[in-house]
Amino acid sequence: MKKQFGIFILLVTILLTGLQTFAQKTNNDFEISKNLDIFTELYKQLDLNYVDEINPGDLVKTGIDAMLGTLDPFTNYIPEADIEDYKLMTTGQYGGIGALIHKQGDYVVVSEPYEGFPAQKTGLKPGDKILEVDGHSAKFKTTDDVSQILKGEPGTTIKLLIEREGTPKPFLLNVQRETIKIDNIPYYGMLTPNVGYLKLSGFTQNAASEVKKAFLELKEKNDLQGLIFDLRGNGGGLLNEAVDIVNIFAEKGELVVSTKGKEVLRDKSYYTTAKAVDTEIPLVFLVDPGSASASEIVTGAMQDLDRGIILGERTYGKGLVQNVFPLSYNAKVKITVAKYYIPSGRCIQAIDYSHKDDDGKSTKVPDSLISEFSTKNGRKVYDGGGIDPDVKLEPELFSPITAALFTKFIIFDYANKFNREHDSIPQVEDFTITDEIFNDFKNYVDKLAFEYTTDSEKTLKKLKEIAENEKYYTDIKPEIELLESKLMHNKDEDIVKHRDEISEVLKIEIVSRYYYQKGKIKASLESDPAITKAISLIGEKQNYTSILSGKTQNPSKMN
């Protein structure tokens, strides 16, 4: 009897649970139906009664974007017009002319044409101002506006009216769009006779096979004893490519990442499935706050498996997985469907989008909810805020004058001038900013009405404001004015004082005019403190092993 009664209770419980789930689903269905009906009726009333003409597409997209904006920044609506951006996100390919652009004044200008693609082959150069596109003025257009127009079906032609410094009058260029493929690996090579370098900028289709091919080439052609794997600024991409990249360096059968969602079908575990290419070679992964998503899966797995040292700054902290779903009329929606967890069991998501503060903003995971986990060798690691590097580097900050010269496009414009006056330069490793070049640059800057604000001036301005509020300014006015005059005099000397730093940036910009993206990366590595530290770590085998074994906890920060 007791057994029969137990079965009866179990059946009743199952029935009640089912009825509750059904009731909840029915209620949800009713709420969805009700609110869709309200939205449709509201839109009809606007269309019939609003005083001015409304644009249906813009109005609905605004509503969709506002709705998705209450969730997380990675759940996005992709209208048909933005489909080229979606292709770029998943395949690294899009239809266009192959050039970076930026806004400078009232117009958009070419920043950098990609080597071997239509913009470069047609003759577009950095600094070229786009006055018109297909006969329509581009004045006051945003970078996004112009980018949208430049992209399109491969094989179609676009007509650009270009203004170029040093050319008497504007000229027309007909540029035929092509399929543009952005390289996952813009550069790889040897930094020393024994240390290789690989820059990965994306995780689009075939990223893992490209990494494997580059790594094998470095091994076969050199006495490779260590690899620096640069993931700085890499915002991620396809999860499976991240898993396959880990598989190049980790044993078969290792857990790389697990995903967990609201629905059980989203719960999956991803393991390495093939024999590793190399499980012994020392690896150093470079990261920064721009390293996110798939970059964090790779570096998190490598850290949890104690397979490589993570060097740099704390990563972004994106532990969310998105899937793309088709909508009507060729539109799509990218929806966050799960969170991911790396081998130690931690989720590195930094922002809790499900909870808002009093201002309606999402908040960081509080310290009280951060948990401790262990790597394979027992090293302590933590969740809730990106990947914390094994060896930390403080970010390098430009001096105010260098930052101003860069952000005000003065270094950019000078590099264009230099390129017009010099047909060629030596190889990247042999090209230097000589006294002659630097003095020419200084004279170029002296002729401009160049203004910038130093940190000292900002502090002095704040002091003046406080003194005025507290009625002390009249008493200290002579001293304030004396300080202002001394600071102005010092600014005249700043360009000389910060010559080394300015020369580094100037070299990178000039090199890109002749050797494009690869040359730009090579030039940037020469004075990179992260590269210097990474080479040192690979060379110090005892220290490298000690860090990964857990014997060296929290290595000191490098300034």
Protein backbone atom coordinates (compact mmCIF):
# COMPACT_ATOMS: atom_id res chain seq x y z
CA MET A 1 0.00 0.00 0.00
CA LYS A 2 2.84 2.40 0.93
CA LYS A 3 4.50 1.72 -2.43
CA GLN A 4 1.24 2.34 -4.34
CA PHE A 5 0.63 5.53 -2.35
CA GLY A 6 4.17 6.72 -3.18
CA ILE A 7 3.60 6.12 -6.89
CA PHE A 8 0.27 7.98 -6.62
CA ILE A 9 1.97 11.00 -5.00
CA LEU A 10 4.70 10.96 -7.67
CA LEU A 11 2.11 10.92 -10.47
CA VAL A 12 0.19 13.79 -8.86
CA THR A 13 3.41 15.80 -8.48
CA ILE A 14 4.32 15.23 -12.15
CA LEU A 15 0.79 16.17 -13.22
CA LEU A 16 0.79 19.37 -11.12
CA THR A 17 4.26 20.34 -12.38
CA GLY A 18 3.11 19.79 -15.95
CA LEU A 19 -0.06 21.83 -15.36
CA GLN A 20 1.99 24.61 -13.78
CA THR A 21 4.43 24.66 -16.72
CA PHE A 22 1.51 24.59 -19.16
CA ALA A 23 -0.22 27.42 -17.28
CA GLN A 24 3.00 29.46 -17.27
CA LYS A 25 3.51 28.87 -20.99
CA THR A 26 -0.13 29.72 -21.70
CA ASN A 27 0.25 32.91 -19.72
CA ASN A 28 3.47 33.79 -21.60
CA ASP A 29 1.78 33.11 -24.93
CA PHE A 30 -1.11 35.36 -23.92
CA GLU A 31 1.26 38.17 -22.87
CA ILE A 32 3.18 37.91 -26.16
CA SER A 33 -0.04 37.93 -28.20
CA LYS A 34 -1.48 40.83 -26.21
CA ASN A 35 1.63 43.02 -26.52
CA LEU A 36 2.11 42.29 -30.22
CA ASP A 37 -1.51 43.31 -30.77
CA ILE A 38 -0.92 46.56 -28.85
CA PHE A 39 2.25 47.26 -30.88
CA THR A 40 0.43 46.68 -34.18
CA GLU A 41 -2.50 48.91 -33.20
CA LEU A 42 -0.13 51.62 -31.98
CA TYR A 43 1.78 51.57 -35.25
CA LYS A 44 -1.48 51.81 -37.25
CA GLN A 45 -2.58 54.85 -35.23
CA LEU A 46 0.78 56.55 -35.83
CA ASP A 47 0.58 55.83 -39.55
CA LEU A 48 -2.97 57.19 -39.77
CA ASN A 49 -2.77 60.17 -37.47
CA TYR A 50 0.80 61.44 -36.96
CA VAL A 51 1.18 65.01 -38.26
CA ASP A 52 4.19 64.25 -40.52
CA GLU A 53 5.08 61.36 -42.78
CA ILE A 54 6.79 58.52 -40.92
CA ASN A 55 9.40 56.11 -42.25
CA PRO A 56 8.12 52.59 -41.46
CA GLY A 57 11.53 50.91 -41.59
CA ASP A 58 13.26 53.48 -39.38
CA LEU A 59 10.42 53.55 -36.87
CA VAL A 60 10.26 49.78 -36.44
CA LYS A 61 14.06 49.41 -36.31
CA THR A 62 14.19 52.06 -33.58
CA GLY A 63 11.61 50.07 -31.62
CA ILE A 64 13.49 46.80 -32.12
CA ASP A 65 16.83 48.33 -31.13
CA ALA A 66 15.29 49.90 -28.02
CA MET A 67 13.76 46.55 -27.03
CA LEU A 68 17.01 44.64 -27.50
CA GLY A 69 18.90 47.43 -25.75
CA THR A 70 17.25 46.43 -22.47
CA LEU A 71 18.98 43.02 -22.67
CA ASP A 72 22.71 42.99 -23.45
CA PRO A 73 24.85 44.75 -26.08
CA PHE A 74 25.48 41.50 -27.96
CA THR A 75 21.84 40.73 -28.81
CA ASN A 76 21.38 42.64 -32.06
CA TYR A 77 18.96 43.03 -34.96
CA ILE A 78 20.63 42.74 -38.37
CA PRO A 79 18.48 44.26 -41.14
CA GLU A 80 19.07 43.23 -44.74
CA ALA A 81 20.96 46.50 -45.34
CA ASP A 82 23.61 45.46 -42.79
CA ILE A 83 24.09 41.94 -44.13
CA GLU A 84 27.65 42.71 -45.34
CA ASP A 85 28.62 43.52 -41.75
CA TYR A 86 27.14 40.18 -40.68
CA LYS A 87 29.17 38.37 -43.35
CA LEU A 88 32.32 40.09 -42.12
CA MET A 89 31.57 39.03 -38.55
CA THR A 90 31.25 35.33 -39.39
CA THR A 91 33.39 34.77 -42.48
CA GLY A 92 35.84 37.66 -42.50
CA GLN A 93 34.49 38.48 -45.97
CA TYR A 94 32.35 41.26 -47.37
CA GLY A 95 31.71 43.01 -50.66
CA GLY A 96 33.48 46.36 -50.84
CA ILE A 97 36.58 48.30 -51.88
CA GLY A 98 38.93 47.19 -49.07
CA ALA A 99 39.88 50.30 -47.11
CA LEU A 100 39.74 51.70 -43.61
CA ILE A 101 38.18 55.17 -43.34
CA HIS A 102 37.78 57.85 -40.67
CA LYS A 103 36.12 61.24 -40.23
CA GLN A 104 38.39 64.28 -40.49
CA GLY A 105 36.66 67.64 -40.55
CA ASP A 106 33.49 67.70 -42.65
CA TYR A 107 34.45 64.69 -44.76
CA VAL A 108 35.42 61.05 -44.49
CA VAL A 109 38.96 60.26 -45.60
CA VAL A 110 40.80 57.06 -46.46
CA SER A 111 42.86 55.86 -43.47
CA GLU A 112 44.46 52.80 -44.97
CA PRO A 113 43.81 50.81 -48.16
CA TYR A 114 44.21 47.03 -47.82
CA GLU A 115 47.11 45.75 -49.90
CA GLY A 116 45.99 43.90 -53.04
CA PHE A 117 42.35 45.02 -52.96
CA PRO A 118 40.37 47.50 -55.13
CA ALA A 119 41.10 50.68 -53.15
CA GLN A 120 44.85 50.14 -53.32
CA LYS A 121 44.87 48.77 -56.87
CA THR A 122 42.81 51.74 -58.11
CA GLY A 123 45.24 54.18 -56.52
CA LEU A 124 43.43 55.40 -53.39
CA LYS A 125 45.87 56.64 -50.78
CA PRO A 126 45.72 57.47 -47.05
CA GLY A 127 44.43 61.02 -46.63
CA ASP A 128 42.28 60.99 -49.77
CA LYS A 129 39.14 62.99 -49.00
CA ILE A 130 35.88 61.52 -50.36
CA LEU A 131 33.91 64.50 -51.69
CA GLU A 132 31.21 62.60 -53.56
CA VAL A 133 29.98 59.02 -53.92
CA ASP A 134 28.16 58.24 -57.19
CA GLY A 135 27.49 61.94 -57.71
CA HIS A 136 26.08 62.54 -54.22
CA SER A 137 27.87 64.85 -51.80
CA ALA A 138 29.58 63.11 -48.90
CA LYS A 139 29.93 66.30 -46.86
CA PHE A 140 28.82 65.90 -43.23
CA LYS A 141 28.28 62.14 -43.76
CA THR A 142 29.35 59.92 -40.89
CA THR A 143 31.90 57.15 -41.21
CA ASP A 144 29.07 54.61 -40.94
CA ASP A 145 27.10 56.37 -43.69
CA VAL A 146 30.02 56.24 -46.12
CA SER A 147 31.04 52.72 -45.11
CA GLN A 148 27.51 51.50 -45.85
CA ILE A 149 27.67 53.02 -49.36
CA LEU A 150 31.16 51.68 -50.12
CA LYS A 151 30.10 48.12 -49.31
CA GLY A 152 28.02 46.21 -51.82
CA GLU A 153 27.77 43.38 -54.31
CA PRO A 154 31.17 42.24 -55.66
CA GLY A 155 31.53 43.19 -59.33
CA THR A 156 29.56 46.43 -59.04
CA THR A 157 31.33 49.76 -59.56
CA ILE A 158 31.27 52.87 -57.41
CA LYS A 159 32.35 56.35 -58.56
CA LEU A 160 34.31 58.46 -56.06
CA LEU A 161 35.22 62.15 -56.36
CA ILE A 162 38.52 62.50 -54.51
CA GLU A 163 40.42 65.49 -53.19
CA ARG A 164 44.11 64.83 -52.56
CA GLU A 165 46.66 67.11 -50.90
CA GLY A 166 49.22 68.20 -53.49
CA THR A 167 46.87 67.53 -56.44
CA PRO A 168 45.52 70.76 -58.06
CA LYS A 169 41.88 69.73 -58.35
CA PRO A 170 39.53 66.89 -57.41
CA PHE A 171 39.48 63.81 -59.65
CA LEU A 172 37.17 60.86 -60.28
CA LEU A 173 38.01 57.23 -59.52
CA ASN A 174 35.88 54.27 -60.60
CA VAL A 175 36.39 51.48 -58.10
CA GLN A 176 35.00 48.00 -58.71
CA ARG A 177 33.92 46.21 -55.55
CA GLU A 178 35.35 42.79 -54.84
CA THR A 179 34.98 40.14 -52.16
CA ILE A 180 37.22 41.44 -49.41
CA LYS A 181 38.74 38.79 -47.14
CA ILE A 182 40.19 40.12 -43.91
CA ASP A 183 43.09 37.93 -42.81
CA ASN A 184 42.72 36.26 -39.44
CA ILE A 185 46.51 36.43 -39.24
CA PRO A 186 47.77 39.79 -40.56
CA TYR A 187 51.37 38.91 -39.66
CA TYR A 188 53.58 36.13 -38.33
CA GLY A 189 57.34 35.69 -38.31
CA MET A 190 60.46 35.29 -36.20
CA LEU A 191 61.38 37.98 -33.64
CA THR A 192 64.67 36.32 -32.69
CA PRO A 193 66.42 33.27 -34.15
CA ASN A 194 64.44 31.10 -31.68
CA VAL A 195 61.23 33.00 -30.80
CA GLY A 196 58.31 33.19 -33.19
CA TYR A 197 55.39 35.62 -33.24
CA LEU A 198 51.83 35.23 -34.49
CA LYS A 199 49.20 37.98 -34.51
CA LEU A 200 45.61 36.72 -34.59
CA SER A 201 43.07 39.48 -35.25
CA GLY A 202 39.89 37.42 -35.69
CA PHE A 203 38.16 34.08 -35.24
CA THR A 204 36.31 33.81 -38.54
CA GLN A 205 36.05 30.66 -40.65
CA ASN A 206 39.33 28.75 -41.05
CA ALA A 207 41.13 30.72 -38.33
CA ALA A 208 42.36 27.51 -36.67
CA SER A 209 43.67 25.97 -39.88
CA GLU A 210 45.46 29.26 -40.67
CA VAL A 211 47.08 29.27 -37.21
CA LYS A 212 48.16 25.65 -37.63
CA LYS A 213 49.65 26.34 -41.06
CA ALA A 214 51.56 29.41 -39.83
CA PHE A 215 52.84 27.58 -36.74
CA LEU A 216 54.06 24.59 -38.75
CA GLU A 217 55.83 26.91 -41.20
CA LEU A 218 57.62 28.68 -38.34
CA LYS A 219 58.69 25.29 -36.91
CA GLU A 220 59.87 23.83 -40.20
CA LYS A 221 61.89 26.84 -41.34
CA ASN A 222 63.41 27.88 -38.00
CA ASP A 223 64.84 26.60 -34.74
CA LEU A 224 61.60 27.52 -32.98
CA GLN A 225 61.89 27.32 -29.19
CA GLY A 226 58.93 29.46 -28.18
CA LEU A 227 55.90 31.25 -29.64
CA ILE A 228 54.36 34.62 -28.75
CA PHE A 229 50.65 34.46 -29.60
CA ASP A 230 49.22 37.99 -29.82
CA LEU A 231 45.48 38.28 -29.06
CA ARG A 232 45.49 41.97 -28.10
CA GLY A 233 42.51 43.80 -29.55
CA ASN A 234 40.96 40.54 -30.79
CA GLY A 235 37.23 40.79 -30.01
CA GLY A 236 36.50 37.14 -30.77
CA GLY A 237 34.34 35.30 -33.28
CA LEU A 238 33.43 31.66 -33.84
CA LEU A 239 33.56 29.37 -30.80
CA ASN A 240 34.56 26.25 -32.77
CA GLU A 241 37.62 28.05 -34.17
CA ALA A 242 38.72 28.86 -30.61
CA VAL A 243 38.34 25.19 -29.62
CA ASP A 244 40.36 24.05 -32.64
CA ILE A 245 43.14 26.56 -31.90
CA VAL A 246 43.46 25.22 -28.36
CA ASN A 247 43.66 21.73 -29.90
CA ILE A 248 46.87 22.72 -31.73
CA PHE A 249 48.67 22.95 -28.39
CA ALA A 250 46.63 20.75 -26.00
CA GLU A 251 46.28 16.96 -25.74
CA LYS A 252 43.35 15.18 -27.37
CA GLY A 253 40.35 14.80 -25.04
CA GLU A 254 40.84 17.98 -23.01
CA LEU A 255 37.76 20.01 -22.10
CA VAL A 256 38.09 23.49 -23.63
CA VAL A 257 34.76 25.15 -22.90
CA SER A 258 31.21 24.33 -21.79
CA THR A 259 28.05 26.31 -22.55
CA LYS A 260 24.94 26.50 -20.37
CA GLY A 261 21.68 28.15 -21.38
CA LYS A 262 18.05 28.44 -20.33
CA GLU A 263 17.23 25.40 -22.44
CA VAL A 264 18.99 22.07 -22.01
CA LEU A 265 19.80 21.92 -25.73
CA ARG A 266 22.19 24.86 -25.17
CA ASP A 267 24.21 22.83 -22.65
CA LYS A 268 27.23 21.50 -24.51
CA SER A 269 30.82 20.61 -23.76
CA TYR A 270 33.58 21.10 -26.33
CA TYR A 271 36.68 18.91 -26.17
CA THR A 272 39.86 18.72 -28.21
CA THR A 273 39.22 15.94 -30.73
CA ALA A 274 42.46 15.61 -32.68
CA LYS A 275 46.07 14.89 -31.88
CA ALA A 276 47.90 18.07 -30.84
CA VAL A 277 50.58 19.55 -33.09
CA ASP A 278 52.88 20.48 -30.18
CA THR A 279 52.21 20.08 -26.44
CA GLU A 280 55.69 21.10 -25.24
CA ILE A 281 56.76 24.36 -26.90
CA PRO A 282 56.66 27.36 -24.51
CA LEU A 283 53.77 29.72 -25.27
CA VAL A 284 53.12 33.29 -24.18
CA PHE A 285 49.70 34.79 -24.95
CA LEU A 286 49.46 38.58 -25.11
CA VAL A 287 46.12 40.06 -23.99
CA ASP A 288 44.56 43.43 -23.18
CA PRO A 289 41.06 44.82 -22.45
CA GLY A 290 40.25 44.42 -26.15
CA SER A 291 40.72 40.64 -25.97
CA ALA A 292 37.21 39.20 -25.69
CA SER A 293 34.96 36.20 -26.24
CA ALA A 294 36.80 33.58 -28.34
CA SER A 295 40.11 35.20 -27.34
CA GLU A 296 39.15 34.60 -23.73
CA ILE A 297 38.19 31.00 -24.45
CA VAL A 298 41.66 30.36 -25.88
CA THR A 299 43.59 32.19 -23.17
CA GLY A 300 41.30 30.93 -20.39
CA ALA A 301 41.68 27.32 -21.52
CA MET A 302 45.46 27.71 -21.88
CA GLN A 303 45.62 29.19 -18.37
CA ASP A 304 43.35 26.53 -16.83
CA LEU A 305 45.32 23.75 -18.53
CA ASP A 306 48.62 25.40 -17.51
CA ARG A 307 49.71 25.22 -21.14
CA GLY A 308 50.95 28.78 -21.59
CA ILE A 309 51.64 32.04 -19.75
CA ILE A 310 49.11 34.85 -20.12
CA LEU A 311 50.86 38.23 -20.29
CA GLY A 312 49.41 41.74 -20.36
CA GLU A 313 46.27 43.37 -18.97
CA ARG A 314 42.98 41.89 -17.76
CA THR A 315 40.74 40.87 -20.68
CA TYR A 316 37.27 42.25 -21.49
CA GLY A 317 35.15 39.68 -19.67
CA LYS A 318 32.64 38.40 -22.23
CA GLY A 319 31.39 34.98 -21.15
CA LEU A 320 28.29 34.98 -23.35
CA VAL A 321 27.48 32.90 -26.44
CA GLN A 322 25.40 34.21 -29.34
CA ASN A 323 23.54 32.36 -32.09
CA VAL A 324 22.20 34.02 -35.26
CA PHE A 325 18.61 33.28 -36.29
CA PRO A 326 16.93 34.13 -39.63
CA LEU A 327 14.01 36.57 -39.80
CA SER A 328 11.67 37.59 -42.62
CA TYR A 329 12.94 39.56 -45.63
CA ASN A 330 16.57 38.45 -45.26
CA ALA A 331 16.97 40.06 -41.84
CA LYS A 332 18.63 38.25 -38.94
CA VAL A 333 18.85 38.51 -35.18
CA LYS A 334 21.87 37.66 -33.03
CA ILE A 335 20.70 36.43 -29.62
CA THR A 336 22.64 35.58 -26.46
CA VAL A 337 21.64 31.98 -25.81
CA ALA A 338 24.11 30.76 -23.20
CA LYS A 339 27.05 31.50 -20.93
CA TYR A 340 30.34 29.72 -21.38
CA TYR A 341 32.59 28.15 -18.78
CA ILE A 342 36.27 27.37 -19.25
CA PRO A 343 37.95 24.14 -18.00
CA SER A 344 38.32 25.17 -14.33
CA GLY A 345 34.56 25.72 -14.24
CA ARG A 346 34.65 29.50 -14.08
CA CYS A 347 32.62 31.94 -16.16
CA ILE A 348 34.58 35.09 -16.93
CA GLN A 349 31.53 37.31 -17.67
CA ALA A 350 32.25 40.72 -16.10
CA ILE A 351 28.88 42.48 -16.44
CA ASP A 352 25.59 41.22 -15.02
CA TYR A 353 23.08 42.35 -17.64
CA SER A 354 20.14 40.75 -15.82
CA HIS A 355 20.35 43.23 -12.96
CA LYS A 356 20.38 47.02 -13.13
CA ASP A 357 21.41 49.70 -10.65
CA ASP A 358 19.23 52.65 -9.60
CA ASP A 359 20.17 54.48 -12.81
CA GLY A 360 19.06 51.53 -14.95
CA LYS A 361 22.63 50.55 -15.86
CA SER A 362 24.03 47.03 -15.81
CA THR A 363 26.56 46.43 -13.07
CA LYS A 364 29.78 44.47 -12.69
CA VAL A 365 29.69 41.18 -10.83
CA PRO A 366 30.28 42.24 -7.19
CA ASP A 367 33.41 41.07 -5.38
CA SER A 368 31.22 39.21 -2.88
CA LEU A 369 30.03 36.88 -5.65
CA ILE A 370 33.46 36.16 -7.16
CA SER A 371 34.56 32.56 -6.60
CA GLU A 372 37.93 30.86 -6.52
CA PHE A 373 38.82 28.02 -8.89
CA SER A 374 41.96 25.98 -9.62
CA THR A 375 43.96 25.27 -12.75
CA LYS A 376 45.22 21.78 -13.60
CA ASN A 377 48.36 22.41 -11.53
CA GLY A 378 46.41 23.89 -8.63
CA ARG A 379 47.01 27.58 -9.33
CA LYS A 380 44.28 29.89 -8.02
CA VAL A 381 42.11 31.63 -10.62
CA TYR A 382 38.86 33.56 -10.32
CA ASP A 383 35.60 34.14 -12.19
CA GLY A 384 33.53 37.26 -12.71
CA GLY A 385 35.83 39.59 -14.61
CA GLY A 386 37.78 38.43 -17.62
CA ILE A 387 41.09 36.58 -17.65
CA ASP A 388 43.57 37.94 -15.12
CA PRO A 389 47.06 37.54 -16.66
CA ASP A 390 49.71 35.40 -15.01
CA VAL A 391 52.18 38.25 -15.57
CA LYS A 392 50.64 41.72 -15.55
CA LEU A 393 51.79 44.74 -17.52
CA GLU A 394 50.72 48.27 -16.78
CA PRO A 395 49.21 49.95 -19.87
CA GLU A 396 51.55 52.27 -21.73
CA LEU A 397 50.10 55.77 -21.91
CA PHE A 398 51.09 58.40 -24.44
CA SER A 399 52.25 61.78 -23.19
CA PRO A 400 49.62 64.50 -23.81
CA ILE A 401 51.56 65.94 -26.77
CA THR A 402 51.93 62.53 -28.49
CA ALA A 403 48.27 61.76 -27.88
CA ALA A 404 47.26 65.12 -29.35
CA LEU A 405 49.54 64.75 -32.39
CA PHE A 406 47.96 61.36 -33.03
CA THR A 407 44.28 62.09 -32.35
CA LYS A 408 44.34 65.40 -34.24
CA PHE A 409 45.70 63.47 -37.29
CA ILE A 410 48.90 65.56 -37.43
CA ILE A 411 51.14 62.49 -37.51
CA PHE A 412 48.74 60.94 -40.05
CA ASP A 413 48.88 64.02 -42.31
CA TYR A 414 52.66 64.29 -42.05
CA ALA A 415 53.05 60.64 -43.07
CA ASN A 416 50.99 61.41 -46.19
CA LYS A 417 53.24 64.40 -46.94
CA PHE A 418 56.34 62.23 -46.44
CA ASN A 419 54.91 59.61 -48.79
CA ARG A 420 54.30 62.21 -51.52
CA GLU A 421 57.91 63.37 -51.24
CA HIS A 422 59.60 59.95 -51.03
CA ASP A 423 59.02 57.16 -53.53
CA SER A 424 60.45 54.49 -51.23
CA ILE A 425 62.00 53.82 -47.82
CA PRO A 426 64.33 51.04 -46.57
CA GLN A 427 62.95 47.77 -45.20
CA VAL A 428 60.96 48.11 -41.97
CA GLU A 429 63.80 46.94 -39.72
CA ASP A 430 66.25 49.36 -41.38
CA PHE A 431 64.05 52.46 -41.49
CA THR A 432 64.55 54.99 -38.67
CA ILE A 433 63.32 58.48 -37.90
CA THR A 434 66.54 60.40 -38.52
CA ASP A 435 67.36 63.88 -37.25
CA GLU A 436 66.48 65.18 -40.70
CA ILE A 437 63.04 63.54 -40.70
CA PHE A 438 62.28 64.57 -37.11
CA ASN A 439 63.31 68.19 -37.68
CA ASP A 440 61.17 68.29 -40.81
CA PHE A 441 58.24 66.97 -38.77
CA LYS A 442 58.88 69.57 -36.05
CA ASN A 443 58.90 72.36 -38.63
CA TYR A 444 55.66 70.95 -40.08
CA VAL A 445 54.02 71.09 -36.65
CA ASP A 446 55.38 74.60 -35.94
CA LYS A 447 53.51 75.93 -38.98
CA LEU A 448 50.20 74.59 -37.68
CA ALA A 449 47.93 76.25 -35.14
CA PHE A 450 48.48 73.25 -32.89
CA GLU A 451 46.99 73.33 -29.40
CA TYR A 452 46.80 70.65 -26.75
CA THR A 453 46.24 70.50 -23.02
CA THR A 454 48.79 68.99 -20.66
CA ASP A 455 47.88 67.19 -17.45
CA SER A 456 49.49 70.08 -15.55
CA GLU A 457 47.23 72.58 -17.29
CA LYS A 458 44.16 70.49 -16.47
CA THR A 459 45.21 70.42 -12.81
CA LEU A 460 45.91 74.16 -12.81
CA LYS A 461 42.51 74.88 -14.37
CA LYS A 462 40.85 72.81 -11.65
CA LEU A 463 42.83 74.71 -9.01
CA LYS A 464 41.61 78.03 -10.45
CA GLU A 465 38.00 76.83 -10.34
CA ILE A 466 38.32 75.73 -6.72
CA ALA A 467 40.08 78.98 -5.74
CA GLU A 468 37.34 81.04 -7.40
CA ASN A 469 34.61 79.05 -5.63
CA GLU A 470 36.36 79.50 -2.29
CA LYS A 471 37.11 83.22 -2.94
CA TYR A 472 40.89 82.76 -2.83
CA TYR A 473 41.63 83.41 -6.51
CA THR A 474 42.38 87.15 -6.17
CA ASP A 475 45.04 86.43 -3.55
CA ILE A 476 46.87 83.79 -5.65
CA LYS A 477 46.24 85.22 -9.13
CA PRO A 478 49.89 86.35 -9.71
CA GLU A 479 51.20 82.88 -8.85
CA ILE A 480 48.61 81.22 -11.11
CA GLU A 481 49.55 83.48 -14.04
CA LEU A 482 53.26 82.79 -13.49
CA LEU A 483 52.61 79.05 -13.52
CA GLU A 484 50.55 79.40 -16.73
CA SER A 485 53.38 81.26 -18.48
CA LYS A 486 55.95 78.66 -17.41
CA LEU A 487 53.74 75.80 -18.58
CA MET A 488 53.26 77.50 -21.97
CA HIS A 489 57.04 77.82 -22.34
CA ASN A 490 57.51 74.13 -21.46
CA LYS A 491 54.98 73.10 -24.09
CA ASP A 492 57.24 74.54 -26.79
CA GLU A 493 59.90 72.06 -25.68
CA ASP A 494 57.57 69.04 -25.30
CA ILE A 495 57.99 67.85 -28.88
CA VAL A 496 61.76 67.59 -28.29
CA LYS A 497 61.38 66.18 -24.78
CA HIS A 498 59.16 63.36 -26.06
CA ARG A 499 61.09 62.75 -29.27
CA ASP A 500 61.58 58.99 -28.73
CA GLU A 501 57.89 58.36 -28.14
CA ILE A 502 56.78 60.56 -31.04
CA SER A 503 59.35 58.94 -33.33
CA GLU A 504 57.96 55.46 -32.57
CA VAL A 505 54.44 56.49 -33.59
CA LEU A 506 55.74 58.44 -36.57
CA LYS A 507 57.72 55.45 -37.84
CA ILE A 508 54.71 53.13 -37.61
CA GLU A 509 52.54 55.59 -39.56
CA ILE A 510 55.14 56.24 -42.28
CA VAL A 511 55.96 52.52 -42.67
CA SER A 512 52.28 51.74 -43.30
CA ARG A 513 52.34 53.97 -46.40
CA TYR A 514 54.86 51.65 -48.04
CA TYR A 515 54.43 48.22 -46.43
CA TYR A 516 50.74 48.35 -45.45
CA GLN A 517 49.33 46.27 -42.57
CA LYS A 518 52.21 43.79 -42.25
CA GLY A 519 54.77 46.56 -42.14
CA LYS A 520 52.74 48.48 -39.59
CA ILE A 521 52.65 45.49 -37.24
CA LYS A 522 56.37 44.75 -37.69
CA ALA A 523 57.26 48.35 -36.90
CA SER A 524 55.04 48.40 -33.79
CA LEU A 525 56.75 45.30 -32.34
CA GLU A 526 60.21 46.86 -32.24
CA SER A 527 59.52 49.04 -29.19
CA ASP A 528 56.74 46.98 -27.60
CA PRO A 529 57.47 46.26 -23.89
CA ALA A 530 55.10 43.26 -23.95
CA ILE A 531 57.19 41.67 -26.70
CA THR A 532 60.39 42.30 -24.76
CA LYS A 533 58.90 40.70 -21.64
CA ALA A 534 57.48 37.74 -23.58
CA ILE A 535 60.85 36.99 -25.20
CA SER A 536 62.43 37.16 -21.74
CA LEU A 537 59.87 34.72 -20.27
CA ILE A 538 60.48 32.19 -23.04
CA GLY A 539 64.24 32.47 -22.56
CA GLU A 540 64.02 31.99 -18.77
CA LYS A 541 62.91 28.35 -18.78
CA GLN A 542 63.08 27.94 -15.00
CA ASN A 543 60.92 31.02 -14.39
CA TYR A 544 58.49 29.98 -17.16
CA THR A 545 58.05 26.50 -15.61
CA SER A 546 57.79 27.95 -12.12
CA ILE A 547 54.90 30.24 -13.07
CA LEU A 548 52.92 27.41 -14.69
CA SER A 549 53.60 24.98 -11.84
CA GLY A 550 52.10 27.38 -9.33
CA LYS A 551 55.34 27.89 -7.42
CA THR A 552 55.42 31.55 -8.48
CA GLN A 553 52.11 33.07 -7.43
CA ASN A 554 51.12 36.57 -8.55
CA PRO A 555 54.37 37.56 -10.33
CA SER A 556 55.23 41.21 -9.79
CA LYS A 557 53.76 43.81 -12.10
CA MET A 558 55.98 45.23 -14.79
CA ASN A 559 55.88 49.03 -15.12
